[in-house]
Amino acid sequence: MTDLAQWEQTYPDAARALWSLLAPTSPPATGADTRSEAYVQSAVRLEAASKGYFLTRNNKGVLPDRRGVPVRFGLMNESSAQDKVCKSGDLIGIRPVTITPDLVGTVVGQFVSVEVKRPGGVIHPAQHAWAALVRKRGGLGLIVDREGMLP
């Protein structure tokens, strides 16, 4: 077991506080529209942090550089053709998983992708494709529209 893992076991509250500082989240605003994607995303990030997940925004898009040349950013966004068939989640990160029995007590990180929608929001087929790809490769690929949906 690593020194960090031992420290986390000894001081779980301090460890949660440290990880929440590394992945800042803000609570949903008082009076916020609970049907908005922003509200759901804030709630999901807080839930994730409380469960030991590390999630960060996966901003995607295309912007011109100083010369006017388009620069693509974000996962699964190497071309517009790729983006049409597979759209990565809004939140990308890792969660700790304890492996048993051959590696008892060893914690490994599992890739996590979370696509956040407002309740009843439309899910693009390319977003389903990404979540399925992540799951097929051993990751946790989720599409959520409310808090309380993280395993």
N, C-alpha and C. Protein backbone atom coordinates (compact mmCIF):
# COMPACT_ATOMS: atom_id res chain seq x y z
N MET A 1 0.85 -1.18 0.00
CA MET A 1 0.00 0.00 0.00
C MET A 1 0.89 1.24 0.00
N THR A 2 0.53 2.24 -0.78
CA THR A 2 1.34 3.45 -0.87
C THR A 2 1.15 4.31 0.38
N ASP A 3 2.08 5.23 0.60
CA ASP A 3 1.97 6.16 1.73
C ASP A 3 0.68 6.97 1.63
N LEU A 4 0.33 7.39 0.40
CA LEU A 4 -0.89 8.17 0.23
C LEU A 4 -2.13 7.35 0.57
N ALA A 5 -2.16 6.10 0.14
CA ALA A 5 -3.30 5.23 0.45
C ALA A 5 -3.42 5.02 1.96
N GLN A 6 -2.29 4.84 2.63
CA GLN A 6 -2.31 4.68 4.10
C GLN A 6 -2.85 5.95 4.75
N TRP A 7 -2.38 7.10 4.29
CA TRP A 7 -2.84 8.38 4.85
C TRP A 7 -4.35 8.54 4.64
N GLU A 8 -4.83 8.18 3.43
CA GLU A 8 -6.26 8.28 3.15
C GLU A 8 -7.08 7.38 4.06
N GLN A 9 -6.58 6.18 4.35
CA GLN A 9 -7.30 5.28 5.26
C GLN A 9 -7.29 5.80 6.68
N THR A 10 -6.20 6.39 7.09
CA THR A 10 -6.08 6.90 8.45
C THR A 10 -6.90 8.18 8.64
N TYR A 11 -6.93 9.02 7.62
CA TYR A 11 -7.62 10.31 7.72
C TYR A 11 -8.62 10.49 6.57
N PRO A 12 -9.70 9.71 6.55
CA PRO A 12 -10.62 9.76 5.41
C PRO A 12 -11.28 11.13 5.20
N ASP A 13 -11.61 11.82 6.28
CA ASP A 13 -12.24 13.14 6.12
C ASP A 13 -11.26 14.14 5.50
N ALA A 14 -10.01 14.10 5.95
CA ALA A 14 -9.00 15.00 5.38
C ALA A 14 -8.74 14.66 3.92
N ALA A 15 -8.74 13.37 3.60
CA ALA A 15 -8.52 12.95 2.20
C ALA A 15 -9.64 13.46 1.31
N ARG A 16 -10.89 13.33 1.76
CA ARG A 16 -12.02 13.86 0.96
C ARG A 16 -11.89 15.36 0.77
N ALA A 17 -11.48 16.06 1.82
CA ALA A 17 -11.31 17.51 1.72
C ALA A 17 -10.21 17.86 0.72
N LEU A 18 -9.10 17.11 0.75
CA LEU A 18 -8.01 17.36 -0.18
C LEU A 18 -8.48 17.15 -1.62
N TRP A 19 -9.13 16.02 -1.88
CA TRP A 19 -9.56 15.72 -3.25
C TRP A 19 -10.61 16.73 -3.71
N SER A 20 -11.44 17.21 -2.82
CA SER A 20 -12.43 18.20 -3.25
C SER A 20 -11.77 19.53 -3.62
N LEU A 21 -10.61 19.83 -3.00
CA LEU A 21 -9.87 21.03 -3.38
C LEU A 21 -9.23 20.87 -4.76
N LEU A 22 -8.82 19.65 -5.09
CA LEU A 22 -8.20 19.40 -6.38
C LEU A 22 -9.21 19.39 -7.52
N ALA A 23 -10.45 19.10 -7.22
CA ALA A 23 -11.52 19.08 -8.22
C ALA A 23 -12.65 19.94 -7.69
N PRO A 24 -12.49 21.26 -7.75
CA PRO A 24 -13.47 22.13 -7.13
C PRO A 24 -14.86 21.94 -7.73
N THR A 25 -15.82 21.92 -6.83
CA THR A 25 -17.21 21.85 -7.24
C THR A 25 -17.94 22.93 -6.47
N SER A 26 -19.02 23.37 -6.99
CA SER A 26 -19.80 24.34 -6.26
C SER A 26 -21.20 23.78 -6.07
N PRO A 27 -21.77 23.98 -4.90
CA PRO A 27 -23.10 23.46 -4.68
C PRO A 27 -24.09 24.16 -5.60
N PRO A 28 -25.16 23.46 -5.95
CA PRO A 28 -26.19 24.11 -6.77
C PRO A 28 -26.68 25.36 -6.06
N ALA A 29 -26.86 26.42 -6.82
CA ALA A 29 -27.29 27.70 -6.26
C ALA A 29 -28.66 27.56 -5.60
N THR A 30 -28.83 28.25 -4.47
CA THR A 30 -30.12 28.25 -3.80
C THR A 30 -31.16 28.83 -4.75
N GLY A 31 -32.25 28.14 -4.88
CA GLY A 31 -33.30 28.61 -5.79
C GLY A 31 -33.02 28.31 -7.25
N ALA A 32 -31.94 27.54 -7.54
CA ALA A 32 -31.59 27.23 -8.93
C ALA A 32 -32.66 26.33 -9.55
N ASP A 33 -32.76 26.39 -10.85
CA ASP A 33 -33.70 25.55 -11.59
C ASP A 33 -33.21 24.11 -11.55
N THR A 34 -33.88 23.27 -10.79
CA THR A 34 -33.45 21.88 -10.63
C THR A 34 -33.62 21.08 -11.91
N ARG A 35 -34.24 21.67 -12.91
CA ARG A 35 -34.40 20.99 -14.20
C ARG A 35 -33.28 21.34 -15.17
N SER A 36 -32.36 22.21 -14.77
CA SER A 36 -31.30 22.62 -15.70
C SER A 36 -30.13 21.65 -15.66
N GLU A 37 -29.40 21.59 -16.78
CA GLU A 37 -28.22 20.73 -16.84
C GLU A 37 -27.14 21.22 -15.88
N ALA A 38 -27.01 22.53 -15.73
CA ALA A 38 -26.00 23.08 -14.81
C ALA A 38 -26.28 22.63 -13.38
N TYR A 39 -27.53 22.63 -12.98
CA TYR A 39 -27.88 22.19 -11.63
C TYR A 39 -27.53 20.72 -11.45
N VAL A 40 -27.94 19.89 -12.41
CA VAL A 40 -27.68 18.45 -12.31
C VAL A 40 -26.17 18.21 -12.27
N GLN A 41 -25.41 18.93 -13.10
CA GLN A 41 -23.96 18.74 -13.12
C GLN A 41 -23.33 19.11 -11.78
N SER A 42 -23.75 20.20 -11.17
CA SER A 42 -23.22 20.57 -9.85
C SER A 42 -23.53 19.50 -8.82
N ALA A 43 -24.77 18.99 -8.84
CA ALA A 43 -25.17 17.96 -7.88
C ALA A 43 -24.38 16.67 -8.10
N VAL A 44 -24.17 16.30 -9.36
CA VAL A 44 -23.42 15.08 -9.67
C VAL A 44 -21.97 15.22 -9.23
N ARG A 45 -21.37 16.38 -9.45
CA ARG A 45 -19.97 16.58 -9.04
C ARG A 45 -19.82 16.51 -7.53
N LEU A 46 -20.77 17.05 -6.80
CA LEU A 46 -20.71 16.96 -5.34
C LEU A 46 -20.89 15.52 -4.88
N GLU A 47 -21.83 14.81 -5.48
CA GLU A 47 -22.03 13.40 -5.15
C GLU A 47 -20.76 12.61 -5.46
N ALA A 48 -20.17 12.85 -6.62
CA ALA A 48 -18.96 12.14 -7.02
C ALA A 48 -17.83 12.36 -6.01
N ALA A 49 -17.63 13.60 -5.61
CA ALA A 49 -16.56 13.91 -4.65
C ALA A 49 -16.80 13.19 -3.33
N SER A 50 -18.06 13.10 -2.90
CA SER A 50 -18.36 12.43 -1.64
C SER A 50 -18.10 10.93 -1.72
N LYS A 51 -18.07 10.37 -2.94
CA LYS A 51 -17.82 8.94 -3.13
C LYS A 51 -16.37 8.66 -3.51
N GLY A 52 -15.52 9.68 -3.50
CA GLY A 52 -14.11 9.50 -3.79
C GLY A 52 -13.74 9.57 -5.26
N TYR A 53 -14.68 9.92 -6.11
CA TYR A 53 -14.38 10.09 -7.53
C TYR A 53 -13.61 11.38 -7.74
N PHE A 54 -12.81 11.43 -8.78
CA PHE A 54 -12.18 12.67 -9.24
C PHE A 54 -12.76 12.94 -10.63
N LEU A 55 -13.61 13.95 -10.76
CA LEU A 55 -14.20 14.31 -12.04
C LEU A 55 -13.83 15.74 -12.39
N THR A 56 -13.61 15.97 -13.66
CA THR A 56 -13.33 17.32 -14.14
C THR A 56 -14.08 17.54 -15.45
N ARG A 57 -14.31 18.80 -15.77
CA ARG A 57 -15.04 19.14 -16.99
C ARG A 57 -14.24 18.70 -18.22
N ASN A 58 -14.95 18.21 -19.20
CA ASN A 58 -14.35 17.86 -20.48
C ASN A 58 -14.88 18.87 -21.50
N ASN A 59 -14.31 20.04 -21.49
CA ASN A 59 -14.74 21.07 -22.44
C ASN A 59 -14.35 20.64 -23.85
N LYS A 60 -15.30 20.75 -24.77
CA LYS A 60 -15.06 20.35 -26.15
C LYS A 60 -15.43 21.49 -27.08
N GLY A 61 -14.71 21.56 -28.17
CA GLY A 61 -15.04 22.57 -29.16
C GLY A 61 -13.94 22.78 -30.17
N VAL A 62 -14.09 23.84 -30.92
CA VAL A 62 -13.12 24.24 -31.94
C VAL A 62 -13.00 25.75 -31.88
N LEU A 63 -11.76 26.23 -31.78
CA LEU A 63 -11.51 27.68 -31.79
C LEU A 63 -10.31 27.96 -32.70
N PRO A 64 -10.27 29.12 -33.32
CA PRO A 64 -9.12 29.44 -34.17
C PRO A 64 -7.92 29.87 -33.32
N ASP A 65 -6.72 29.48 -33.79
CA ASP A 65 -5.52 29.97 -33.13
C ASP A 65 -5.21 31.36 -33.67
N ARG A 66 -4.03 31.92 -33.32
CA ARG A 66 -3.68 33.28 -33.74
C ARG A 66 -3.63 33.45 -35.25
N ARG A 67 -3.37 32.34 -35.94
CA ARG A 67 -3.30 32.40 -37.41
C ARG A 67 -4.65 32.14 -38.07
N GLY A 68 -5.65 31.82 -37.23
CA GLY A 68 -6.97 31.51 -37.78
C GLY A 68 -7.18 30.04 -38.08
N VAL A 69 -6.19 29.22 -37.72
CA VAL A 69 -6.28 27.78 -37.96
C VAL A 69 -7.13 27.15 -36.86
N PRO A 70 -8.15 26.37 -37.22
CA PRO A 70 -9.00 25.75 -36.19
C PRO A 70 -8.22 24.75 -35.34
N VAL A 71 -8.41 24.84 -34.03
CA VAL A 71 -7.80 23.92 -33.08
C VAL A 71 -8.94 23.24 -32.32
N ARG A 72 -8.99 21.91 -32.41
CA ARG A 72 -10.03 21.12 -31.74
C ARG A 72 -9.53 20.73 -30.36
N PHE A 73 -10.43 20.71 -29.38
CA PHE A 73 -10.06 20.31 -28.03
C PHE A 73 -11.17 19.48 -27.41
N GLY A 74 -10.80 18.69 -26.42
CA GLY A 74 -11.73 17.78 -25.76
C GLY A 74 -11.58 16.37 -26.30
N LEU A 75 -12.01 15.39 -25.51
CA LEU A 75 -11.90 13.99 -25.92
C LEU A 75 -12.83 13.67 -27.07
N MET A 76 -12.39 12.76 -27.94
CA MET A 76 -13.18 12.31 -29.10
C MET A 76 -13.61 13.48 -29.97
N ASN A 77 -12.69 14.38 -30.23
CA ASN A 77 -13.00 15.57 -31.01
C ASN A 77 -11.85 15.88 -31.97
N GLU A 78 -11.27 14.82 -32.53
CA GLU A 78 -10.15 15.02 -33.44
C GLU A 78 -10.60 15.51 -34.81
N SER A 79 -11.87 15.26 -35.13
CA SER A 79 -12.43 15.74 -36.40
C SER A 79 -13.93 15.90 -36.23
N SER A 80 -14.54 16.68 -37.12
CA SER A 80 -16.00 16.83 -37.04
C SER A 80 -16.68 15.50 -37.36
N ALA A 81 -16.07 14.69 -38.23
CA ALA A 81 -16.64 13.39 -38.55
C ALA A 81 -16.66 12.49 -37.31
N GLN A 82 -15.56 12.49 -36.56
CA GLN A 82 -15.49 11.68 -35.35
C GLN A 82 -16.53 12.16 -34.33
N ASP A 83 -16.66 13.47 -34.17
CA ASP A 83 -17.59 14.03 -33.20
C ASP A 83 -19.04 13.68 -33.52
N LYS A 84 -19.34 13.44 -34.78
CA LYS A 84 -20.72 13.11 -35.17
C LYS A 84 -21.11 11.70 -34.74
N VAL A 85 -20.13 10.79 -34.60
CA VAL A 85 -20.45 9.40 -34.29
C VAL A 85 -20.14 9.01 -32.85
N CYS A 86 -19.32 9.80 -32.14
CA CYS A 86 -18.96 9.45 -30.77
C CYS A 86 -18.65 10.73 -30.00
N LYS A 87 -19.51 11.07 -29.05
CA LYS A 87 -19.34 12.30 -28.27
C LYS A 87 -19.01 11.95 -26.82
N SER A 88 -17.83 12.39 -26.37
CA SER A 88 -17.42 12.09 -25.01
C SER A 88 -18.27 12.85 -23.99
N GLY A 89 -18.25 12.34 -22.74
CA GLY A 89 -19.07 12.90 -21.67
C GLY A 89 -18.63 14.27 -21.20
N ASP A 90 -19.55 14.95 -20.50
CA ASP A 90 -19.29 16.28 -19.94
C ASP A 90 -18.25 16.23 -18.83
N LEU A 91 -18.25 15.16 -18.07
CA LEU A 91 -17.33 15.01 -16.94
C LEU A 91 -16.48 13.77 -17.17
N ILE A 92 -15.18 13.92 -16.98
CA ILE A 92 -14.23 12.83 -17.19
C ILE A 92 -13.40 12.70 -15.93
N GLY A 93 -13.10 11.47 -15.55
CA GLY A 93 -12.26 11.32 -14.37
C GLY A 93 -11.93 9.89 -14.06
N ILE A 94 -11.78 9.64 -12.78
CA ILE A 94 -11.34 8.34 -12.31
C ILE A 94 -11.97 8.09 -10.95
N ARG A 95 -12.25 6.81 -10.68
CA ARG A 95 -12.76 6.45 -9.36
C ARG A 95 -11.91 5.32 -8.81
N PRO A 96 -11.73 5.28 -7.48
CA PRO A 96 -10.94 4.21 -6.89
C PRO A 96 -11.75 2.92 -6.83
N VAL A 97 -11.11 1.82 -7.17
CA VAL A 97 -11.74 0.50 -7.12
C VAL A 97 -10.78 -0.44 -6.40
N THR A 98 -11.26 -1.15 -5.40
CA THR A 98 -10.44 -2.13 -4.70
C THR A 98 -10.59 -3.48 -5.40
N ILE A 99 -9.48 -4.06 -5.79
CA ILE A 99 -9.46 -5.30 -6.54
C ILE A 99 -9.37 -6.48 -5.58
N THR A 100 -10.13 -7.52 -5.86
CA THR A 100 -10.08 -8.75 -5.07
C THR A 100 -10.18 -9.94 -6.02
N PRO A 101 -9.82 -11.15 -5.68
CA PRO A 101 -9.00 -11.55 -4.54
C PRO A 101 -7.51 -11.56 -4.84
N ASP A 102 -7.09 -11.61 -6.12
CA ASP A 102 -5.67 -11.75 -6.43
C ASP A 102 -4.83 -10.53 -6.05
N LEU A 103 -5.45 -9.37 -6.01
CA LEU A 103 -4.73 -8.16 -5.63
C LEU A 103 -5.43 -7.52 -4.42
N VAL A 104 -5.74 -8.33 -3.44
CA VAL A 104 -6.51 -7.87 -2.29
C VAL A 104 -5.90 -6.60 -1.69
N GLY A 105 -6.75 -5.60 -1.53
CA GLY A 105 -6.33 -4.36 -0.92
C GLY A 105 -5.69 -3.36 -1.87
N THR A 106 -5.41 -3.77 -3.09
CA THR A 106 -4.82 -2.85 -4.05
C THR A 106 -5.92 -1.99 -4.65
N VAL A 107 -5.69 -0.71 -4.68
CA VAL A 107 -6.67 0.20 -5.27
C VAL A 107 -6.18 0.60 -6.65
N VAL A 108 -7.03 0.45 -7.63
CA VAL A 108 -6.72 0.89 -8.99
C VAL A 108 -7.73 1.96 -9.38
N GLY A 109 -7.40 2.71 -10.38
CA GLY A 109 -8.32 3.74 -10.86
C GLY A 109 -9.09 3.25 -12.06
N GLN A 110 -10.37 3.47 -12.06
CA GLN A 110 -11.22 3.12 -13.19
C GLN A 110 -11.63 4.41 -13.89
N PHE A 111 -11.45 4.45 -15.22
CA PHE A 111 -11.84 5.60 -16.01
C PHE A 111 -13.34 5.83 -15.87
N VAL A 112 -13.74 7.09 -15.71
CA VAL A 112 -15.14 7.44 -15.57
C VAL A 112 -15.49 8.54 -16.56
N SER A 113 -16.62 8.36 -17.24
CA SER A 113 -17.16 9.39 -18.13
C SER A 113 -18.63 9.56 -17.79
N VAL A 114 -19.03 10.80 -17.52
CA VAL A 114 -20.42 11.09 -17.17
C VAL A 114 -20.97 12.14 -18.13
N GLU A 115 -21.98 11.79 -18.88
CA GLU A 115 -22.72 12.74 -19.70
C GLU A 115 -23.88 13.23 -18.86
N VAL A 116 -23.99 14.54 -18.69
CA VAL A 116 -25.03 15.12 -17.84
C VAL A 116 -26.11 15.74 -18.72
N LYS A 117 -27.34 15.44 -18.39
CA LYS A 117 -28.50 16.01 -19.09
C LYS A 117 -29.45 16.61 -18.07
N ARG A 118 -30.20 17.58 -18.50
CA ARG A 118 -31.28 18.05 -17.64
C ARG A 118 -32.32 16.94 -17.62
N PRO A 119 -33.16 16.87 -16.59
CA PRO A 119 -34.18 15.82 -16.56
C PRO A 119 -35.01 15.84 -17.85
N GLY A 120 -35.08 14.70 -18.51
CA GLY A 120 -35.83 14.60 -19.76
C GLY A 120 -35.08 15.10 -20.97
N GLY A 121 -33.80 15.47 -20.80
CA GLY A 121 -33.00 15.99 -21.91
C GLY A 121 -32.76 14.94 -22.99
N VAL A 122 -32.54 15.41 -24.20
CA VAL A 122 -32.33 14.52 -25.35
C VAL A 122 -30.89 14.02 -25.36
N ILE A 123 -30.74 12.72 -25.56
CA ILE A 123 -29.42 12.10 -25.62
C ILE A 123 -29.13 11.77 -27.08
N HIS A 124 -28.03 12.30 -27.58
CA HIS A 124 -27.62 12.08 -28.97
C HIS A 124 -27.09 10.64 -29.10
N PRO A 125 -27.38 9.95 -30.20
CA PRO A 125 -26.86 8.59 -30.38
C PRO A 125 -25.34 8.50 -30.21
N ALA A 126 -24.62 9.55 -30.60
CA ALA A 126 -23.16 9.54 -30.45
C ALA A 126 -22.76 9.57 -28.98
N GLN A 127 -23.60 10.11 -28.10
CA GLN A 127 -23.31 10.10 -26.67
C GLN A 127 -23.51 8.68 -26.11
N HIS A 128 -24.53 7.98 -26.58
CA HIS A 128 -24.71 6.57 -26.21
C HIS A 128 -23.51 5.75 -26.68
N ALA A 129 -23.03 6.04 -27.89
CA ALA A 129 -21.90 5.29 -28.45
C ALA A 129 -20.65 5.44 -27.57
N TRP A 130 -20.38 6.66 -27.10
CA TRP A 130 -19.22 6.90 -26.24
C TRP A 130 -19.35 6.14 -24.92
N ALA A 131 -20.52 6.23 -24.27
CA ALA A 131 -20.73 5.55 -22.99
C ALA A 131 -20.55 4.03 -23.18
N ALA A 132 -21.06 3.50 -24.28
CA ALA A 132 -20.92 2.06 -24.56
C ALA A 132 -19.46 1.69 -24.78
N LEU A 133 -18.70 2.54 -25.49
CA LEU A 133 -17.28 2.29 -25.72
C LEU A 133 -16.52 2.25 -24.40
N VAL A 134 -16.79 3.21 -23.53
CA VAL A 134 -16.12 3.25 -22.23
C VAL A 134 -16.42 1.98 -21.44
N ARG A 135 -17.69 1.58 -21.39
CA ARG A 135 -18.06 0.36 -20.66
C ARG A 135 -17.41 -0.88 -21.27
N LYS A 136 -17.39 -0.96 -22.60
CA LYS A 136 -16.80 -2.13 -23.28
C LYS A 136 -15.32 -2.27 -22.94
N ARG A 137 -14.64 -1.17 -22.70
CA ARG A 137 -13.21 -1.19 -22.39
C ARG A 137 -12.92 -1.23 -20.89
N GLY A 138 -13.96 -1.45 -20.06
CA GLY A 138 -13.74 -1.62 -18.62
C GLY A 138 -13.95 -0.37 -17.80
N GLY A 139 -14.33 0.73 -18.41
CA GLY A 139 -14.57 1.96 -17.67
C GLY A 139 -16.01 2.05 -17.20
N LEU A 140 -16.32 3.15 -16.56
CA LEU A 140 -17.67 3.43 -16.11
C LEU A 140 -18.21 4.56 -16.98
N GLY A 141 -19.09 4.24 -17.91
CA GLY A 141 -19.67 5.22 -18.82
C GLY A 141 -21.13 5.43 -18.47
N LEU A 142 -21.46 6.64 -18.00
CA LEU A 142 -22.81 6.92 -17.53
C LEU A 142 -23.44 8.10 -18.26
N ILE A 143 -24.76 8.08 -18.32
CA ILE A 143 -25.55 9.23 -18.75
C ILE A 143 -26.54 9.47 -17.63
N VAL A 144 -26.48 10.64 -17.01
CA VAL A 144 -27.32 10.92 -15.84
C VAL A 144 -28.15 12.17 -16.05
N ASP A 145 -29.34 12.18 -15.44
CA ASP A 145 -30.18 13.36 -15.51
C ASP A 145 -30.67 13.81 -14.14
N ARG A 146 -30.07 13.25 -13.10
CA ARG A 146 -30.40 13.68 -11.75
C ARG A 146 -29.32 13.16 -10.80
N GLU A 147 -29.27 13.77 -9.61
CA GLU A 147 -28.30 13.30 -8.63
C GLU A 147 -28.72 11.94 -8.11
N GLY A 148 -27.81 11.25 -7.45
CA GLY A 148 -28.11 9.94 -6.88
C GLY A 148 -27.98 8.80 -7.89
N MET A 149 -27.34 9.06 -9.03
CA MET A 149 -27.24 8.02 -10.06
C MET A 149 -25.85 7.41 -10.16
N LEU A 150 -24.90 7.86 -9.34
CA LEU A 150 -23.55 7.30 -9.41
C LEU A 150 -23.45 6.05 -8.54
N PRO A 151 -22.82 5.00 -9.06
CA PRO A 151 -22.65 3.78 -8.26
C PRO A 151 -21.65 3.98 -7.13
